[in-house]
Amino acid sequence: MITWRRLTEDDFPLLISWLEQPHVARWWNHETSIEAVRRDFGPALRGEEPSEELIAHLDGTPFGLLQRCRLADYPEYLAEVAALTEVPSGAMTIDYLIGDPQLVGRGLGPRMIRSAVRAIWDERPDAPGVLVPVSAANRASWRALEKAGLLRVAEGEMEPDNPVDDRAHYLYRIDRP
């Protein structure tokens, strides 16, 4: 069973170890010093930024990170998504990673995404849907979204997370049942 809890500063060493894994670093392209992690994740933990940072647990063991937010809380990001498709008021987005390389490719990504979407439906009754942009080159990520029940609704250019990637993105969506 997948459960969720808020990320805390005590989780930063674990998060750093995940961000340093080659399969994560390739797509997240994140600095891994404790200072950088505090700088980038600390504001959400302190309520200074509207995103939520959650640790995913499988049978009590942490295995992944989920970021979720309302698209409207990040106007520049919303504008990029809205350039590709209609964005309903209150729509949310997620970003995710599986930290342990031994857990990659075992169907945990789709399970994690389905669990995250169910949590949004339960905890955010005003969220009409979830839209997730993903680099077209990140096949594992967009396949996990498809297996979790999200549909590809658009393709287009967005700013990549990693500067080595081109701007080609797919946009996935799931609406509240």
Protein backbone atom coordinates (compact mmCIF):
# COMPACT_ATOMS: atom_id res chain seq x y z
CA MET A 1 0.00 0.00 0.00
CA ILE A 2 1.24 3.49 -0.86
CA THR A 3 0.93 6.15 1.82
CA TRP A 4 1.97 9.79 1.89
CA ARG A 5 3.41 12.26 4.36
CA ARG A 6 4.81 15.75 4.10
CA LEU A 7 8.51 16.12 3.36
CA THR A 8 10.50 17.44 6.33
CA GLU A 9 14.03 18.76 6.67
CA ASP A 10 14.93 15.43 8.26
CA ASP A 11 14.23 13.88 4.83
CA PHE A 12 16.78 16.06 3.03
CA PRO A 13 19.65 13.53 3.22
CA LEU A 14 17.37 10.86 1.71
CA LEU A 15 16.12 13.30 -0.94
CA ILE A 16 19.72 14.22 -1.81
CA SER A 17 20.59 10.54 -2.23
CA TRP A 18 17.64 10.16 -4.59
CA LEU A 19 18.47 13.29 -6.59
CA GLU A 20 22.00 11.94 -7.06
CA GLN A 21 20.80 8.68 -8.62
CA PRO A 22 21.52 8.74 -12.38
CA HIS A 23 17.94 7.81 -13.33
CA VAL A 24 16.65 10.80 -11.29
CA ALA A 25 19.46 13.27 -12.02
CA ARG A 26 18.91 12.84 -15.77
CA TRP A 27 15.40 14.31 -15.57
CA TRP A 28 15.39 16.42 -12.41
CA ASN A 29 18.75 18.14 -13.05
CA HIS A 30 18.89 19.39 -9.47
CA GLU A 31 21.80 20.59 -7.37
CA THR A 32 22.38 18.11 -4.55
CA SER A 33 24.17 20.14 -1.89
CA ILE A 34 22.28 20.47 1.39
CA GLU A 35 22.20 24.24 0.78
CA ALA A 36 20.57 23.80 -2.63
CA VAL A 37 17.98 21.35 -1.31
CA ARG A 38 17.16 23.68 1.61
CA ARG A 39 16.90 26.61 -0.83
CA ASP A 40 14.62 24.80 -3.27
CA PHE A 41 12.47 22.63 -0.99
CA GLY A 42 12.50 24.66 2.23
CA PRO A 43 10.02 27.38 1.17
CA ALA A 44 7.26 24.82 0.51
CA LEU A 45 7.95 23.14 3.86
CA ARG A 46 7.63 26.48 5.65
CA GLY A 47 4.42 27.41 3.81
CA GLU A 48 6.15 30.23 1.92
CA GLU A 49 5.40 28.59 -1.42
CA PRO A 50 2.09 26.96 -2.43
CA SER A 51 3.45 23.63 -3.65
CA GLU A 52 3.27 20.51 -1.51
CA GLU A 53 6.22 18.17 -1.19
CA LEU A 54 5.26 14.63 -0.18
CA ILE A 55 7.24 11.46 0.50
CA ALA A 56 5.67 8.27 -0.86
CA HIS A 57 5.97 5.13 1.24
CA LEU A 58 5.46 1.55 0.16
CA ASP A 59 4.51 -0.59 3.12
CA GLY A 60 6.11 1.99 5.41
CA THR A 61 9.38 2.40 3.49
CA PRO A 62 10.04 5.72 1.72
CA PHE A 63 10.60 5.27 -2.01
CA GLY A 64 9.66 8.46 -3.83
CA LEU A 65 8.86 12.14 -3.90
CA LEU A 66 5.73 13.83 -5.17
CA GLN A 67 5.31 17.53 -5.75
CA ARG A 68 1.80 18.81 -6.30
CA CYS A 69 0.33 22.25 -6.78
CA ARG A 70 -2.40 24.21 -8.44
CA LEU A 71 -1.26 25.37 -11.84
CA ALA A 72 -2.72 28.83 -11.13
CA ASP A 73 -0.27 29.23 -8.22
CA TYR A 74 2.57 29.37 -10.76
CA PRO A 75 1.43 31.82 -13.48
CA GLU A 76 4.41 31.34 -15.82
CA TYR A 77 4.04 27.55 -15.71
CA LEU A 78 0.26 27.89 -16.19
CA ALA A 79 0.88 30.04 -19.27
CA GLU A 80 3.15 27.37 -20.78
CA VAL A 81 0.55 24.65 -20.19
CA ALA A 82 -2.34 26.87 -21.35
CA ALA A 83 -0.47 27.49 -24.61
CA LEU A 84 -0.88 23.76 -25.33
CA THR A 85 -4.39 23.04 -24.03
CA GLU A 86 -7.32 24.48 -22.12
CA VAL A 87 -6.63 24.49 -18.38
CA PRO A 88 -9.71 24.32 -16.17
CA SER A 89 -9.80 26.66 -13.19
CA GLY A 90 -8.39 24.88 -10.14
CA ALA A 91 -6.49 22.23 -12.14
CA MET A 92 -3.50 20.71 -10.43
CA THR A 93 -0.21 19.28 -11.60
CA ILE A 94 2.24 16.78 -10.17
CA ASP A 95 5.89 15.91 -10.51
CA TYR A 96 7.35 12.72 -9.13
CA LEU A 97 10.35 10.50 -8.79
CA ILE A 98 11.20 7.04 -7.57
CA GLY A 99 14.46 7.31 -5.68
CA ASP A 100 15.66 3.72 -5.35
CA PRO A 101 16.97 2.47 -8.72
CA GLN A 102 16.06 -1.12 -7.73
CA LEU A 103 12.39 -0.09 -7.65
CA VAL A 104 12.37 1.42 -11.15
CA GLY A 105 10.68 -0.62 -13.88
CA ARG A 106 8.52 -2.63 -11.50
CA GLY A 107 5.18 -0.89 -12.01
CA LEU A 108 5.58 1.33 -8.97
CA GLY A 109 5.45 4.59 -11.00
CA PRO A 110 1.89 4.05 -12.26
CA ARG A 111 0.79 2.91 -8.79
CA MET A 112 2.34 6.03 -7.28
CA ILE A 113 0.65 8.30 -9.83
CA ARG A 114 -2.76 6.62 -9.35
CA SER A 115 -2.38 6.99 -5.58
CA ALA A 116 -1.42 10.65 -5.96
CA VAL A 117 -4.43 11.36 -8.18
CA ARG A 118 -6.78 9.59 -5.71
CA ALA A 119 -5.31 11.72 -2.91
CA ILE A 120 -6.00 14.87 -4.94
CA TRP A 121 -9.61 13.80 -5.49
CA ASP A 122 -9.99 13.10 -1.75
CA GLU A 123 -8.13 16.12 -0.39
CA ARG A 124 -8.90 18.75 -3.05
CA PRO A 125 -12.63 18.50 -3.82
CA ASP A 126 -12.44 21.66 -5.94
CA ALA A 127 -9.73 20.30 -8.27
CA PRO A 128 -11.43 19.38 -11.56
CA GLY A 129 -8.42 17.65 -13.07
CA VAL A 130 -4.71 16.99 -13.10
CA LEU A 131 -2.48 18.04 -16.01
CA VAL A 132 1.09 16.77 -16.25
CA PRO A 133 3.63 18.00 -18.80
CA VAL A 134 6.50 15.60 -19.43
CA SER A 135 9.51 15.75 -21.71
CA ALA A 136 8.78 13.79 -24.87
CA ALA A 137 12.19 12.18 -24.42
CA ASN A 138 11.26 10.80 -20.98
CA ARG A 139 9.49 7.67 -22.22
CA ALA A 140 9.46 5.96 -18.81
CA SER A 141 7.63 8.91 -17.26
CA TRP A 142 4.99 9.34 -19.94
CA ARG A 143 4.41 5.58 -20.10
CA ALA A 144 3.84 5.59 -16.32
CA LEU A 145 1.27 8.37 -16.76
CA GLU A 146 -0.50 6.36 -19.47
CA LYS A 147 -0.51 3.20 -17.35
CA ALA A 148 -1.96 5.28 -14.48
CA GLY A 149 -4.90 6.27 -16.68
CA LEU A 150 -3.90 9.75 -17.84
CA LEU A 151 -4.47 10.61 -21.49
CA ARG A 152 -2.14 12.50 -23.77
CA VAL A 153 -4.09 15.60 -24.74
CA ALA A 154 -1.45 17.79 -26.36
CA GLU A 155 2.10 18.07 -27.65
CA GLY A 156 4.19 21.17 -27.87
CA GLU A 157 7.15 23.15 -26.70
CA MET A 158 7.86 23.95 -23.07
CA GLU A 159 10.97 24.91 -21.15
CA PRO A 160 12.82 21.66 -20.29
CA ASP A 161 13.90 20.86 -16.72
CA ASN A 162 17.26 19.75 -18.06
CA PRO A 163 18.97 22.09 -20.54
CA VAL A 164 20.30 19.10 -22.50
CA ASP A 165 16.73 18.31 -23.61
CA ASP A 166 14.87 19.98 -26.40
CA ARG A 167 11.56 21.75 -25.77
CA ALA A 168 9.31 18.92 -27.01
CA HIS A 169 6.77 17.92 -24.36
CA TYR A 170 3.67 15.79 -24.08
CA LEU A 171 0.80 16.93 -21.89
CA TYR A 172 -1.25 14.35 -19.99
CA ARG A 173 -4.58 14.87 -18.28
CA ILE A 174 -7.06 13.13 -16.06
CA ASP A 175 -10.37 14.65 -15.03
CA ARG A 176 -12.24 14.10 -11.78
CA PRO A 177 -14.58 11.12 -12.20
